[in-house]
Amino acid sequence: MKNLIQIFLLLITLSITAQSKYFTKTGNVTFEASVPSFEEVKAVNKNTTAIINTENGEFAALVLVKGFRFKNALMEEHFNENYADSDDYPKATFKGEISSFAIDDLNGSNQQKKYNGTMTFHGKTKSLSDEALSISKNADGSLKITGNLKLNVADFDIEIPKIVSNKLSREVDVSFEFVLNKK
């Protein structure tokens, strides 16, 4: 009987732990480094993995760099070979925490939150603090997290050759959208 109670308590604990994490493998991350009067430099990755722990607001995302798709195949090739060095640095990651996160406070409306963490890309890690995001709980129980941020290419040791320096922004606009379901 004692063993049965222990097994029951273990199963309840595992069930509670599993419900505290939401997960996706189909998140969207978009970046744009366009400048006016030149060809659009924009890419989308629709296979981003993200997870949130709803007990403490810890949040992480993983992007496979070669998963970014451009309108122009040659631009995609240059991005992977000359800028991102995606063979040497195949992943970009974010690890952080959403401030004042409480899943019980979420409803259908978007809540604006701040987050802090680190972004790693091209072998370099940059701290991010007091960045904004929007989070809501959908009718189906999933969580939707969206946001935008600006990153400077120099922070990640990405050099832009002089020949194209006037065609690429040194400040990159990054947007993300994740719909996460209970794990």
Foldseek 3Di string as FASTA:
>chain_A
DVVVVVVVVVVVVVVVQLQQKWKDQQKKKKKWFFDPPADTDIWMARGKIKMAGQVFQKIKIKDQLLRTDDPDPVSSVCCCVQFQVCVVWGMKMWIWGWPPHHQVPAAADKDKTFIWTWIDGLNAIDTDGRAIWIWHQDPVRWIKIKHKDKDFSVRNVGDDDPVCVVGTHRIMIMMIIDTIGRD
